[in-house]
């Protein structure tokens, strides 16, 4: 009986370890994505701040692939605001995925319960 419980605990620990490693990788990836999106958002904000100081008739160019396209100041401003909004939305979406950490916590709790049940035998 004890050998069966030990095998069961060993299997549970192995599964938990795999789940923890997988979750840690996903959390790191999410943190990197959030960091990149924050940089994109900050770049767009700083660029927008700089172009606000320019006169309205200033010719502005948008990089499209390997060429530049003439745009109005208002069009560039709206594109920068849109870029910031998209970054904010993606950051919010990534941060909602905190359930990853909760799933590891639940698995740890399950193993603790198994250990307590085993000790009481």
PDB file of N, CA and C in Angstrom:
ATOM      1  N   UNK A   1       0.827  -1.206   0.000  1.00  0.00           N
ATOM      2  CA  UNK A   1       0.000   0.000   0.000  1.00  0.00           C
ATOM      3  C   UNK A   1       0.861   1.256   0.000  1.00  0.00           C
ATOM      4  N   UNK A   2       1.913   1.227   0.841  1.00  0.00           N
ATOM      5  CA  UNK A   2       2.794   2.397   0.950  1.00  0.00           C
ATOM      6  C   UNK A   2       3.531   2.644  -0.357  1.00  0.00           C
ATOM      7  N   UNK A   3       3.892   1.550  -1.062  1.00  0.00           N
ATOM      8  CA  UNK A   3       4.601   1.697  -2.333  1.00  0.00           C
ATOM      9  C   UNK A   3       3.706   2.352  -3.371  1.00  0.00           C
ATOM     10  N   UNK A   4       2.418   2.001  -3.347  1.00  0.00           N
ATOM     11  CA  UNK A   4       1.477   2.596  -4.293  1.00  0.00           C
ATOM     12  C   UNK A   4       1.310   4.085  -4.017  1.00  0.00           C
ATOM     13  N   UNK A   5       1.249   4.442  -2.729  1.00  0.00           N
ATOM     14  CA  UNK A   5       1.115   5.857  -2.365  1.00  0.00           C
ATOM     15  C   UNK A   5       2.369   6.617  -2.760  1.00  0.00           C
ATOM     16  N   UNK A   6       3.563   5.990  -2.526  1.00  0.00           N
ATOM     17  CA  UNK A   6       4.817   6.638  -2.900  1.00  0.00           C
ATOM     18  C   UNK A   6       4.899   6.864  -4.401  1.00  0.00           C
ATOM     19  N   UNK A   7       4.476   5.878  -5.174  1.00  0.00           N
ATOM     20  CA  UNK A   7       4.478   6.048  -6.632  1.00  0.00           C
ATOM     21  C   UNK A   7       3.514   7.157  -7.050  1.00  0.00           C
ATOM     22  N   UNK A   8       2.372   7.183  -6.377  1.00  0.00           N
ATOM     23  CA  UNK A   8       1.383   8.217  -6.676  1.00  0.00           C
ATOM     24  C   UNK A   8       1.946   9.608  -6.354  1.00  0.00           C
ATOM     25  N   UNK A   9       2.620   9.740  -5.208  1.00  0.00           N
ATOM     26  CA  UNK A   9       3.234  11.016  -4.834  1.00  0.00           C
ATOM     27  C   UNK A   9       4.356  11.397  -5.791  1.00  0.00           C
ATOM     28  N   UNK A  10       5.149  10.410  -6.160  1.00  0.00           N
ATOM     29  CA  UNK A  10       6.258  10.678  -7.089  1.00  0.00           C
ATOM     30  C   UNK A  10       5.719  11.168  -8.430  1.00  0.00           C
ATOM     31  N   UNK A  11       4.658  10.521  -8.897  1.00  0.00           N
ATOM     32  CA  UNK A  11       4.037  10.933 -10.168  1.00  0.00           C
ATOM     33  C   UNK A  11       3.464  12.346 -10.037  1.00  0.00           C
ATOM     34  N   UNK A  12       2.818  12.646  -8.904  1.00  0.00           N
ATOM     35  CA  UNK A  12       2.245  13.975  -8.691  1.00  0.00           C
ATOM     36  C   UNK A  12       3.338  15.040  -8.634  1.00  0.00           C
ATOM     37  N   UNK A  13       4.437  14.741  -7.958  1.00  0.00           N
ATOM     38  CA  UNK A  13       5.552  15.687  -7.899  1.00  0.00           C
ATOM     39  C   UNK A  13       6.149  15.932  -9.283  1.00  0.00           C
ATOM     40  N   UNK A  14       6.280  14.873 -10.066  1.00  0.00           N
ATOM     41  CA  UNK A  14       6.822  15.003 -11.425  1.00  0.00           C
ATOM     42  C   UNK A  14       5.917  15.881 -12.280  1.00  0.00           C
ATOM     43  N   UNK A  15       4.616  15.640 -12.181  1.00  0.00           N
ATOM     44  CA  UNK A  15       3.661  16.449 -12.939  1.00  0.00           C
ATOM     45  C   UNK A  15       3.700  17.901 -12.488  1.00  0.00           C
ATOM     46  N   UNK A  16       3.792  18.112 -11.178  1.00  0.00           N
ATOM     47  CA  UNK A  16       3.858  19.477 -10.656  1.00  0.00           C
ATOM     48  C   UNK A  16       5.113  20.187 -11.145  1.00  0.00           C
ATOM     49  N   UNK A  17       6.229  19.475 -11.110  1.00  0.00           N
ATOM     50  CA  UNK A  17       7.481  20.085 -11.559  1.00  0.00           C
ATOM     51  C   UNK A  17       7.382  20.484 -13.030  1.00  0.00           C
ATOM     52  N   UNK A  18       6.833  19.628 -13.863  1.00  0.00           N
ATOM     53  CA  UNK A  18       6.665  19.946 -15.279  1.00  0.00           C
ATOM     54  C   UNK A  18       5.740  21.146 -15.448  1.00  0.00           C
ATOM     55  N   UNK A  19       4.668  21.172 -14.661  1.00  0.00           N
ATOM     56  CA  UNK A  19       3.710  22.275 -14.745  1.00  0.00           C
ATOM     57  C   UNK A  19       4.338  23.592 -14.293  1.00  0.00           C
ATOM     58  N   UNK A  20       5.145  23.546 -13.232  1.00  0.00           N
ATOM     59  CA  UNK A  20       5.810  24.752 -12.728  1.00  0.00           C
ATOM     60  C   UNK A  20       6.785  25.294 -13.766  1.00  0.00           C
ATOM     61  N   UNK A  21       7.575  24.418 -14.362  1.00  0.00           N
ATOM     62  CA  UNK A  21       8.543  24.851 -15.375  1.00  0.00           C
ATOM     63  C   UNK A  21       7.828  25.464 -16.561  1.00  0.00           C
ATOM     64  N   UNK A  22       6.770  24.800 -17.025  1.00  0.00           N
ATOM     65  CA  UNK A  22       5.995  25.317 -18.158  1.00  0.00           C
ATOM     66  C   UNK A  22       5.384  26.682 -17.835  1.00  0.00           C
ATOM     67  N   UNK A  23       4.839  26.799 -16.648  1.00  0.00           N
ATOM     68  CA  UNK A  23       4.207  28.054 -16.247  1.00  0.00           C
ATOM     69  C   UNK A  23       5.233  29.164 -16.111  1.00  0.00           C
ATOM     70  N   UNK A  24       6.389  28.855 -15.547  1.00  0.00           N
ATOM     71  CA  UNK A  24       7.435  29.869 -15.412  1.00  0.00           C
ATOM     72  C   UNK A  24       7.872  30.378 -16.781  1.00  0.00           C
ATOM     73  N   UNK A  25       7.984  29.485 -17.749  1.00  0.00           N
ATOM     74  CA  UNK A  25       8.357  29.902 -19.102  1.00  0.00           C
ATOM     75  C   UNK A  25       7.290  30.809 -19.709  1.00  0.00           C
ATOM     76  N   UNK A  26       6.024  30.446 -19.495  1.00  0.00           N
ATOM     77  CA  UNK A  26       4.938  31.268 -20.037  1.00  0.00           C
ATOM     78  C   UNK A  26       4.888  32.638 -19.368  1.00  0.00           C
ATOM     79  N   UNK A  27       5.146  32.688 -18.071  1.00  0.00           N
ATOM     80  CA  UNK A  27       5.142  33.967 -17.358  1.00  0.00           C
ATOM     81  C   UNK A  27       6.297  34.841 -17.838  1.00  0.00           C
ATOM     82  N   UNK A  28       7.467  34.245 -18.033  1.00  0.00           N
ATOM     83  CA  UNK A  28       8.611  35.005 -18.544  1.00  0.00           C
ATOM     84  C   UNK A  28       8.321  35.559 -19.936  1.00  0.00           C
ATOM     85  N   UNK A  29       7.709  34.738 -20.777  1.00  0.00           N
ATOM     86  CA  UNK A  29       7.354  35.179 -22.124  1.00  0.00           C
ATOM     87  C   UNK A  29       6.356  36.331 -22.059  1.00  0.00           C
ATOM     88  N   UNK A  30       5.370  36.221 -21.174  1.00  0.00           N
ATOM     89  CA  UNK A  30       4.383  37.293 -21.022  1.00  0.00           C
ATOM     90  C   UNK A  30       5.055  38.572 -20.532  1.00  0.00           C
ATOM     91  N   UNK A  31       5.998  38.451 -19.596  1.00  0.00           N
ATOM     92  CA  UNK A  31       6.719  39.632 -19.110  1.00  0.00           C
ATOM     93  C   UNK A  31       7.524  40.293 -20.227  1.00  0.00           C
ATOM     94  N   UNK A  32       8.166  39.475 -21.064  1.00  0.00           N
ATOM     95  CA  UNK A  32       8.932  40.026 -22.187  1.00  0.00           C
ATOM     96  C   UNK A  32       8.017  40.738 -23.180  1.00  0.00           C
ATOM     97  N   UNK A  33       6.858  40.147 -23.436  1.00  0.00           N
ATOM     98  CA  UNK A  33       5.909  40.770 -24.356  1.00  0.00           C
ATOM     99  C   UNK A  33       5.410  42.095 -23.802  1.00  0.00           C
ATOM    100  N   UNK A  34       5.113  42.131 -22.505  1.00  0.00           N
ATOM    101  CA  UNK A  34       4.653  43.369 -21.881  1.00  0.00           C
ATOM    102  C   UNK A  34       5.740  44.433 -21.945  1.00  0.00           C
ATOM    103  N   UNK A  35       6.973  44.036 -21.692  1.00  0.00           N
ATOM    104  CA  UNK A  35       8.093  44.975 -21.756  1.00  0.00           C
ATOM    105  C   UNK A  35       8.244  45.556 -23.160  1.00  0.00           C
ATOM    106  N   UNK A  36       8.151  44.709 -24.183  1.00  0.00           N
ATOM    107  CA  UNK A  36       8.262  45.176 -25.569  1.00  0.00           C
ATOM    108  C   UNK A  36       7.103  46.109 -25.919  1.00  0.00           C
ATOM    109  N   UNK A  37       5.900  45.765 -25.484  1.00  0.00           N
ATOM    110  CA  UNK A  37       4.744  46.614 -25.767  1.00  0.00           C
ATOM    111  C   UNK A  37       4.861  47.963 -25.054  1.00  0.00           C
ATOM    112  N   UNK A  38       5.398  47.964 -23.844  1.00  0.00           N
ATOM    113  CA  UNK A  38       5.612  49.231 -23.134  1.00  0.00           C
ATOM    114  C   UNK A  38       6.623  50.103 -23.874  1.00  0.00           C
ATOM    115  N   UNK A  39       7.665  49.475 -24.429  1.00  0.00           N
ATOM    116  CA  UNK A  39       8.641  50.245 -25.220  1.00  0.00           C
ATOM    117  C   UNK A  39       7.986  50.829 -26.471  1.00  0.00           C
ATOM    118  N   UNK A  40       7.178  50.044 -27.139  1.00  0.00           N
ATOM    119  CA  UNK A  40       6.487  50.519 -28.338  1.00  0.00           C
ATOM    120  C   UNK A  40       5.569  51.687 -27.994  1.00  0.00           C
ATOM    121  N   UNK A  41       4.840  51.530 -26.888  1.00  0.00           N
ATOM    122  CA  UNK A  41       3.918  52.581 -26.443  1.00  0.00           C
ATOM    123  C   UNK A  41       4.676  53.865 -26.103  1.00  0.00           C
ATOM    124  N   UNK A  42       5.782  53.736 -25.406  1.00  0.00           N
ATOM    125  CA  UNK A  42       6.575  54.900 -25.016  1.00  0.00           C
ATOM    126  C   UNK A  42       7.169  55.589 -26.246  1.00  0.00           C
ATOM    127  N   UNK A  43       7.637  54.795 -27.204  1.00  0.00           N
ATOM    128  CA  UNK A  43       8.198  55.356 -28.437  1.00  0.00           C
ATOM    129  C   UNK A  43       7.136  56.150 -29.196  1.00  0.00           C
ATOM    130  N   UNK A  44       5.948  55.590 -29.305  1.00  0.00           N
ATOM    131  CA  UNK A  44       4.862  56.274 -30.002  1.00  0.00           C
ATOM    132  C   UNK A  44       4.480  57.558 -29.265  1.00  0.00           C
ATOM    133  N   UNK A  45       4.442  57.506 -27.937  1.00  0.00           N
ATOM    134  CA  UNK A  45       4.098  58.690 -27.148  1.00  0.00           C
ATOM    135  C   UNK A  45       5.147  59.795 -27.318  1.00  0.00           C
ATOM    136  N   UNK A  46       6.417  59.429 -27.239  1.00  0.00           N
ATOM    137  CA  UNK A  46       7.484  60.429 -27.396  1.00  0.00           C
ATOM    138  C   UNK A  46       7.475  61.038 -28.794  1.00  0.00           C
ATOM    139  N   UNK A  47       7.247  60.213 -29.805  1.00  0.00           N
ATOM    140  CA  UNK A  47       7.174  60.718 -31.175  1.00  0.00           C
ATOM    141  C   UNK A  47       5.993  61.673 -31.318  1.00  0.00           C
ATOM    142  N   UNK A  48       4.869  61.299 -30.762  1.00  0.00           N
ATOM    143  CA  UNK A  48       3.682  62.150 -30.823  1.00  0.00           C
ATOM    144  C   UNK A  48       3.925  63.480 -30.115  1.00  0.00           C
ATOM    145  N   UNK A  49       4.595  63.429 -28.974  1.00  0.00           N
ATOM    146  CA  UNK A  49       4.905  64.654 -28.225  1.00  0.00           C
ATOM    147  C   UNK A  49       5.780  65.589 -29.064  1.00  0.00           C
ATOM    148  N   UNK A  50       6.730  65.012 -29.776  1.00  0.00           N
ATOM    149  CA  UNK A  50       7.628  65.828 -30.601  1.00  0.00           C
ATOM    150  C   UNK A  50       6.900  66.453 -31.791  1.00  0.00           C
ATOM    151  N   UNK A  51       6.015  65.698 -32.428  1.00  0.00           N
ATOM    152  CA  UNK A  51       5.366  66.263 -33.615  1.00  0.00           C
ATOM    153  C   UNK A  51       4.292  67.284 -33.250  1.00  0.00           C
ATOM    154  N   UNK A  52       3.806  67.258 -32.011  1.00  0.00           N
ATOM    155  CA  UNK A  52       2.822  68.259 -31.597  1.00  0.00           C
ATOM    156  C   UNK A  52       3.416  69.659 -31.631  1.00  0.00           C
ATOM    157  N   UNK A  53       4.717  69.761 -31.412  1.00  0.00           N
ATOM    158  CA  UNK A  53       5.383  71.065 -31.380  1.00  0.00           C
ATOM    159  C   UNK A  53       5.631  71.637 -32.775  1.00  0.00           C
ATOM    160  N   UNK A  54       5.476  70.844 -33.803  1.00  0.00           N
ATOM    161  CA  UNK A  54       5.738  71.289 -35.171  1.00  0.00           C
ATOM    162  C   UNK A  54       4.511  71.996 -35.750  1.00  0.00           C
ATOM    163  N   UNK A  55       4.755  72.928 -36.677  1.00  0.00           N
ATOM    164  CA  UNK A  55       3.608  73.581 -37.344  1.00  0.00           C
ATOM    165  C   UNK A  55       2.792  72.565 -38.157  1.00  0.00           C
ATOM    166  N   UNK A  56       1.509  72.890 -38.366  1.00  0.00           N
ATOM    167  CA  UNK A  56       0.617  71.962 -39.070  1.00  0.00           C
ATOM    168  C   UNK A  56       1.034  71.704 -40.514  1.00  0.00           C
ATOM    169  N   UNK A  57       1.685  72.648 -41.147  1.00  0.00           N
ATOM    170  CA  UNK A  57       2.043  72.487 -42.559  1.00  0.00           C
ATOM    171  C   UNK A  57       3.371  71.753 -42.755  1.00  0.00           C
ATOM    172  N   UNK A  58       3.980  71.279 -41.701  1.00  0.00           N
ATOM    173  CA  UNK A  58       5.247  70.559 -41.803  1.00  0.00           C
ATOM    174  C   UNK A  58       5.025  69.236 -42.525  1.00  0.00           C
ATOM    175  N   UNK A  59       5.803  68.985 -43.583  1.00  0.00           N
ATOM    176  CA  UNK A  59       5.652  67.697 -44.274  1.00  0.00           C
ATOM    177  C   UNK A  59       6.172  66.563 -43.389  1.00  0.00           C
ATOM    178  N   UNK A  60       5.394  65.509 -43.287  1.00  0.00           N
ATOM    179  CA  UNK A  60       5.771  64.360 -42.460  1.00  0.00           C
ATOM    180  C   UNK A  60       5.711  63.118 -43.326  1.00  0.00           C
ATOM    181  N   UNK A  61       6.622  62.227 -43.021  1.00  0.00           N
ATOM    182  CA  UNK A  61       6.727  61.005 -43.803  1.00  0.00           C
ATOM    183  C   UNK A  61       6.587  59.794 -42.886  1.00  0.00           C
ATOM    184  N   UNK A  62       5.872  58.813 -43.394  1.00  0.00           N
ATOM    185  CA  UNK A  62       5.685  57.559 -42.674  1.00  0.00           C
ATOM    186  C   UNK A  62       6.496  56.483 -43.381  1.00  0.00           C
ATOM    187  N   UNK A  63       7.259  55.722 -42.608  1.00  0.00           N
ATOM    188  CA  UNK A  63       8.038  54.642 -43.195  1.00  0.00           C
ATOM    189  C   UNK A  63       7.143  53.459 -43.508  1.00  0.00           C
ATOM    190  N   UNK A  64       7.145  53.048 -44.756  1.00  0.00           N
ATOM    191  CA  UNK A  64       6.368  51.892 -45.194  1.00  0.00           C
ATOM    192  C   UNK A  64       7.331  50.971 -45.933  1.00  0.00           C
ATOM    193  N   UNK A  65       7.768  49.930 -45.231  1.00  0.00           N
ATOM    194  CA  UNK A  65       8.745  49.034 -45.848  1.00  0.00           C
ATOM    195  C   UNK A  65      10.051  49.771 -46.079  1.00  0.00           C
ATOM    196  N   UNK A  66      10.462  49.842 -47.352  1.00  0.00           N
ATOM    197  CA  UNK A  66      11.719  50.510 -47.687  1.00  0.00           C
ATOM    198  C   UNK A  66      11.487  51.890 -48.293  1.00  0.00           C
ATOM    199  N   UNK A  67      10.298  52.411 -48.151  1.00  0.00           N
ATOM    200  CA  UNK A  67      10.019  53.734 -48.718  1.00  0.00           C
ATOM    201  C   UNK A  67       9.328  54.602 -47.675  1.00  0.00           C
ATOM    202  N   UNK A  68       9.183  55.863 -48.002  1.00  0.00           N
ATOM    203  CA  UNK A  68       8.507  56.806 -47.129  1.00  0.00           C
ATOM    204  C   UNK A  68       7.346  57.429 -47.883  1.00  0.00           C
ATOM    205  N   UNK A  69       6.220  57.572 -47.180  1.00  0.00           N
ATOM    206  CA  UNK A  69       5.008  58.114 -47.779  1.00  0.00           C
ATOM    207  C   UNK A  69       4.677  59.425 -47.071  1.00  0.00           C
ATOM    208  N   UNK A  70       4.398  60.457 -47.874  1.00  0.00           N
ATOM    209  CA  UNK A  70       4.038  61.760 -47.326  1.00  0.00           C
ATOM    210  C   UNK A  70       2.673  61.665 -46.652  1.00  0.00           C
ATOM    211  N   UNK A  71       2.602  62.148 -45.396  1.00  0.00           N
ATOM    212  CA  UNK A  71       1.363  62.111 -44.624  1.00  0.00           C
ATOM    213  C   UNK A  71       1.123  63.482 -44.002  1.00  0.00           C
ATOM    214  N   UNK A  72      -0.124  63.734 -43.645  1.00  0.00           N
ATOM    215  CA  UNK A  72      -0.430  64.965 -42.924  1.00  0.00           C
ATOM    216  C   UNK A  72      -0.083  64.762 -41.447  1.00  0.00           C
ATOM    217  N   UNK A  73       0.074  65.865 -40.744  1.00  0.00           N
ATOM    218  CA  UNK A  73       0.401  65.806 -39.326  1.00  0.00           C
ATOM    219  C   UNK A  73      -0.715  65.100 -38.556  1.00  0.00           C
ATOM    220  N   UNK A  74      -1.952  65.406 -38.904  1.00  0.00           N
ATOM    221  CA  UNK A  74      -3.099  64.797 -38.221  1.00  0.00           C
ATOM    222  C   UNK A  74      -3.129  63.277 -38.420  1.00  0.00           C
ATOM    223  N   UNK A  75      -2.815  62.842 -39.631  1.00  0.00           N
ATOM    224  CA  UNK A  75      -2.806  61.401 -39.930  1.00  0.00           C
ATOM    225  C   UNK A  75      -1.715  60.692 -39.114  1.00  0.00           C
ATOM    226  N   UNK A  76      -0.532  61.286 -39.037  1.00  0.00           N
ATOM    227  CA  UNK A  76       0.559  60.701 -38.259  1.00  0.00           C
ATOM    228  C   UNK A  76       0.179  60.665 -36.787  1.00  0.00           C
ATOM    229  N   UNK A  77      -0.426  61.745 -36.301  1.00  0.00           N
ATOM    230  CA  UNK A  77      -0.861  61.815 -34.903  1.00  0.00           C
ATOM    231  C   UNK A  77      -1.870  60.712 -34.600  1.00  0.00           C
ATOM    232  N   UNK A  78      -2.854  60.520 -35.468  1.00  0.00           N
ATOM    233  CA  UNK A  78      -3.871  59.492 -35.226  1.00  0.00           C
ATOM    234  C   UNK A  78      -3.266  58.088 -35.279  1.00  0.00           C
ATOM    235  N   UNK A  79      -2.297  57.874 -36.161  1.00  0.00           N
ATOM    236  CA  UNK A  79      -1.647  56.560 -36.229  1.00  0.00           C
ATOM    237  C   UNK A  79      -0.855  56.267 -34.954  1.00  0.00           C
ATOM    238  N   UNK A  80      -0.202  57.274 -34.419  1.00  0.00           N
ATOM    239  CA  UNK A  80       0.559  57.097 -33.186  1.00  0.00           C
ATOM    240  C   UNK A  80      -0.369  56.813 -32.003  1.00  0.00           C
ATOM    241  N   UNK A  81      -1.497  57.512 -31.947  1.00  0.00           N
ATOM    242  CA  UNK A  81      -2.473  57.247 -30.885  1.00  0.00           C
ATOM    243  C   UNK A  81      -3.037  55.832 -30.999  1.00  0.00           C
ATOM    244  N   UNK A  82      -3.296  55.416 -32.235  1.00  0.00           N
ATOM    245  CA  UNK A  82      -3.814  54.065 -32.473  1.00  0.00           C
ATOM    246  C   UNK A  82      -2.789  53.016 -32.034  1.00  0.00           C
ATOM    247  N   UNK A  83      -1.528  53.257 -32.324  1.00  0.00           N
ATOM    248  CA  UNK A  83      -0.463  52.340 -31.932  1.00  0.00           C
ATOM    249  C   UNK A  83      -0.390  52.218 -30.407  1.00  0.00           C
ATOM    250  N   UNK A  84      -0.557  53.351 -29.707  1.00  0.00           N
ATOM    251  CA  UNK A  84      -0.541  53.332 -28.244  1.00  0.00           C
ATOM    252  C   UNK A  84      -1.737  52.551 -27.699  1.00  0.00           C
ATOM    253  N   UNK A  85      -2.900  52.746 -28.310  1.00  0.00           N
ATOM    254  CA  UNK A  85      -4.112  52.054 -27.853  1.00  0.00           C
ATOM    255  C   UNK A  85      -3.988  50.546 -28.049  1.00  0.00           C
ATOM    256  N   UNK A  86      -3.455  50.128 -29.170  1.00  0.00           N
ATOM    257  CA  UNK A  86      -3.263  48.702 -29.438  1.00  0.00           C
ATOM    258  C   UNK A  86      -2.315  48.102 -28.409  1.00  0.00           C
ATOM    259  N   UNK A  87      -1.229  48.823 -28.106  1.00  0.00           N
ATOM    260  CA  UNK A  87      -0.272  48.326 -27.111  1.00  0.00           C
ATOM    261  C   UNK A  87      -0.938  48.200 -25.744  1.00  0.00           C
ATOM    262  N   UNK A  88      -1.740  49.200 -25.358  1.00  0.00           N
ATOM    263  CA  UNK A  88      -2.449  49.135 -24.077  1.00  0.00           C
ATOM    264  C   UNK A  88      -3.397  47.937 -24.025  1.00  0.00           C
ATOM    265  N   UNK A  89      -4.124  47.706 -25.114  1.00  0.00           N
ATOM    266  CA  UNK A  89      -5.067  46.588 -25.165  1.00  0.00           C
ATOM    267  C   UNK A  89      -4.348  45.246 -25.040  1.00  0.00           C
ATOM    268  N   UNK A  90      -3.224  45.107 -25.740  1.00  0.00           N
ATOM    269  CA  UNK A  90      -2.482  43.851 -25.682  1.00  0.00           C
ATOM    270  C   UNK A  90      -1.887  43.624 -24.298  1.00  0.00           C
ATOM    271  N   UNK A  91      -1.412  44.698 -23.662  1.00  0.00           N
ATOM    272  CA  UNK A  91      -0.863  44.575 -22.310  1.00  0.00           C
ATOM    273  C   UNK A  91      -1.957  44.107 -21.349  1.00  0.00           C
ATOM    274  N   UNK A  92      -3.132  44.704 -21.462  1.00  0.00           N
ATOM    275  CA  UNK A  92      -4.246  44.312 -20.599  1.00  0.00           C
ATOM    276  C   UNK A  92      -4.628  42.854 -20.824  1.00  0.00           C
ATOM    277  N   UNK A  93      -4.604  42.421 -22.074  1.00  0.00           N
ATOM    278  CA  UNK A  93      -4.951  41.040 -22.404  1.00  0.00           C
ATOM    279  C   UNK A  93      -3.924  40.064 -21.816  1.00  0.00           C
ATOM    280  N   UNK A  94      -2.653  40.424 -21.899  1.00  0.00           N
ATOM    281  CA  UNK A  94      -1.603  39.553 -21.369  1.00  0.00           C
ATOM    282  C   UNK A  94      -1.678  39.493 -19.850  1.00  0.00           C
ATOM    283  N   UNK A  95      -1.951  40.630 -19.219  1.00  0.00           N
ATOM    284  CA  UNK A  95      -2.005  40.668 -17.760  1.00  0.00           C
ATOM    285  C   UNK A  95      -3.205  39.899 -17.211  1.00  0.00           C
ATOM    286  N   UNK A  96      -4.231  39.702 -18.021  1.00  0.00           N
ATOM    287  CA  UNK A  96      -5.391  38.921 -17.572  1.00  0.00           C
ATOM    288  C   UNK A  96      -5.036  37.444 -17.429  1.00  0.00           C
ATOM    289  N   UNK A  97      -3.951  37.035 -18.007  1.00  0.00           N
ATOM    290  CA  UNK A  97      -3.579  35.625 -17.997  1.00  0.00           C
ATOM    291  C   UNK A  97      -2.797  35.258 -16.743  1.00  0.00           C
ATOM    292  N   UNK A  98      -3.203  35.832 -15.631  1.00  0.00           N
ATOM    293  CA  UNK A  98      -2.584  35.533 -14.348  1.00  0.00           C
ATOM    294  C   UNK A  98      -3.012  34.153 -13.875  1.00  0.00           C
ATOM    295  N   UNK A  99      -3.976  33.570 -14.556  1.00  0.00           N
ATOM    296  CA  UNK A  99      -4.451  32.251 -14.184  1.00  0.00           C
ATOM    297  C   UNK A  99      -3.324  31.222 -14.227  1.00  0.00           C
ATOM    298  N   UNK A 100      -2.257  31.507 -14.970  1.00  0.00           N
ATOM    299  CA  UNK A 100      -1.118  30.590 -15.023  1.00  0.00           C
ATOM    300  C   UNK A 100      -0.549  30.371 -13.630  1.00  0.00           C
ATOM    301  N   UNK A 101      -0.365  31.480 -12.924  1.00  0.00           N
ATOM    302  CA  UNK A 101       0.189  31.380 -11.577  1.00  0.00           C
ATOM    303  C   UNK A 101      -0.788  30.676 -10.639  1.00  0.00           C
ATOM    304  N   UNK A 102      -2.079  30.917 -10.836  1.00  0.00           N
ATOM    305  CA  UNK A 102      -3.084  30.277 -10.002  1.00  0.00           C
ATOM    306  C   UNK A 102      -3.106  28.765 -10.214  1.00  0.00           C
ATOM    307  N   UNK A 103      -2.882  28.316 -11.449  1.00  0.00           N
ATOM    308  CA  UNK A 103      -2.921  26.881 -11.719  1.00  0.00           C
ATOM    309  C   UNK A 103      -1.780  26.159 -11.015  1.00  0.00           C
ATOM    310  N   UNK A 104      -0.619  26.793 -10.936  1.00  0.00           N
ATOM    311  CA  UNK A 104       0.497  26.189 -10.214  1.00  0.00           C
ATOM    312  C   UNK A 104       0.173  26.129  -8.728  1.00  0.00           C
ATOM    313  N   UNK A 105      -0.410  27.186  -8.204  1.00  0.00           N
ATOM    314  CA  UNK A 105      -0.779  27.231  -6.790  1.00  0.00           C
ATOM    315  C   UNK A 105      -1.771  26.108  -6.465  1.00  0.00           C
ATOM    316  N   UNK A 106      -2.735  25.888  -7.337  1.00  0.00           N
ATOM    317  CA  UNK A 106      -3.711  24.821  -7.123  1.00  0.00           C
ATOM    318  C   UNK A 106      -3.045  23.453  -7.125  1.00  0.00           C
ATOM    319  N   UNK A 107      -2.104  23.249  -8.034  1.00  0.00           N
ATOM    320  CA  UNK A 107      -1.401  21.972  -8.094  1.00  0.00           C
ATOM    321  C   UNK A 107      -0.582  21.748  -6.832  1.00  0.00           C
ATOM    322  N   UNK A 108       0.073  22.804  -6.342  1.00  0.00           N
ATOM    323  CA  UNK A 108       0.832  22.692  -5.100  1.00  0.00           C
ATOM    324  C   UNK A 108      -0.089  22.337  -3.929  1.00  0.00           C
ATOM    325  N   UNK A 109      -1.243  22.973  -3.881  1.00  0.00           N
ATOM    326  CA  UNK A 109      -2.206  22.676  -2.813  1.00  0.00           C
ATOM    327  C   UNK A 109      -2.671  21.223  -2.868  1.00  0.00           C
ATOM    328  N   UNK A 110      -2.891  20.716  -4.080  1.00  0.00           N
ATOM    329  CA  UNK A 110      -3.316  19.321  -4.226  1.00  0.00           C
ATOM    330  C   UNK A 110      -2.256  18.368  -3.685  1.00  0.00           C
ATOM    331  N   UNK A 111      -0.994  18.659  -3.960  1.00  0.00           N
ATOM    332  CA  UNK A 111       0.076  17.789  -3.469  1.00  0.00           C
ATOM    333  C   UNK A 111       0.196  17.894  -1.957  1.00  0.00           C
ATOM    334  N   UNK A 112       0.031  19.089  -1.417  1.00  0.00           N
ATOM    335  CA  UNK A 112       0.068  19.248   0.039  1.00  0.00           C
ATOM    336  C   UNK A 112      -1.033  18.407   0.689  1.00  0.00           C
ATOM    337  N   UNK A 113      -2.215  18.432   0.087  1.00  0.00           N
ATOM    338  CA  UNK A 113      -3.313  17.629   0.615  1.00  0.00           C
ATOM    339  C   UNK A 113      -2.985  16.138   0.560  1.00  0.00           C
ATOM    340  N   UNK A 114      -2.334  15.715  -0.510  1.00  0.00           N
ATOM    341  CA  UNK A 114      -1.935  14.310  -0.626  1.00  0.00           C
ATOM    342  C   UNK A 114      -0.926  13.952   0.463  1.00  0.00           C
ATOM    343  N   UNK A 115       0.018  14.852   0.727  1.00  0.00           N
ATOM    344  CA  UNK A 115       1.025  14.590   1.765  1.00  0.00           C
ATOM    345  C   UNK A 115       0.377  14.511   3.145  1.00  0.00           C
ATOM    346  N   UNK A 116      -0.540  15.412   3.411  1.00  0.00           N
ATOM    347  CA  UNK A 116      -1.234  15.415   4.706  1.00  0.00           C
ATOM    348  C   UNK A 116      -2.049  14.136   4.866  1.00  0.00           C
ATOM    349  N   UNK A 117      -2.714  13.721   3.806  1.00  0.00           N
ATOM    350  CA  UNK A 117      -3.504  12.482   3.842  1.00  0.00           C
ATOM    351  C   UNK A 117      -2.593  11.274   4.078  1.00  0.00           C
ATOM    352  N   UNK A 118      -1.412  11.300   3.493  1.00  0.00           N
ATOM    353  CA  UNK A 118      -0.470  10.185   3.652  1.00  0.00           C
ATOM    354  C   UNK A 118       0.062  10.121   5.084  1.00  0.00           C
ATOM    355  N   UNK A 119       0.353  11.302   5.659  1.00  0.00           N
ATOM    356  CA  UNK A 119       0.878  11.334   7.027  1.00  0.00           C
ATOM    357  C   UNK A 119      -0.160  10.855   8.030  1.00  0.00           C
ATOM    358  N   UNK A 120      -1.421  11.106   7.738  1.00  0.00           N
ATOM    359  CA  UNK A 120      -2.475  10.708   8.671  1.00  0.00           C
ATOM    360  C   UNK A 120      -2.757   9.211   8.618  1.00  0.00           C
ATOM    361  N   UNK A 121      -2.220   8.512   7.621  1.00  0.00           N
ATOM    362  CA  UNK A 121      -2.443   7.057   7.502  1.00  0.00           C
ATOM    363  C   UNK A 121      -1.667   6.297   8.536  1.00  0.00           C
TER     364      UNK A 121
END
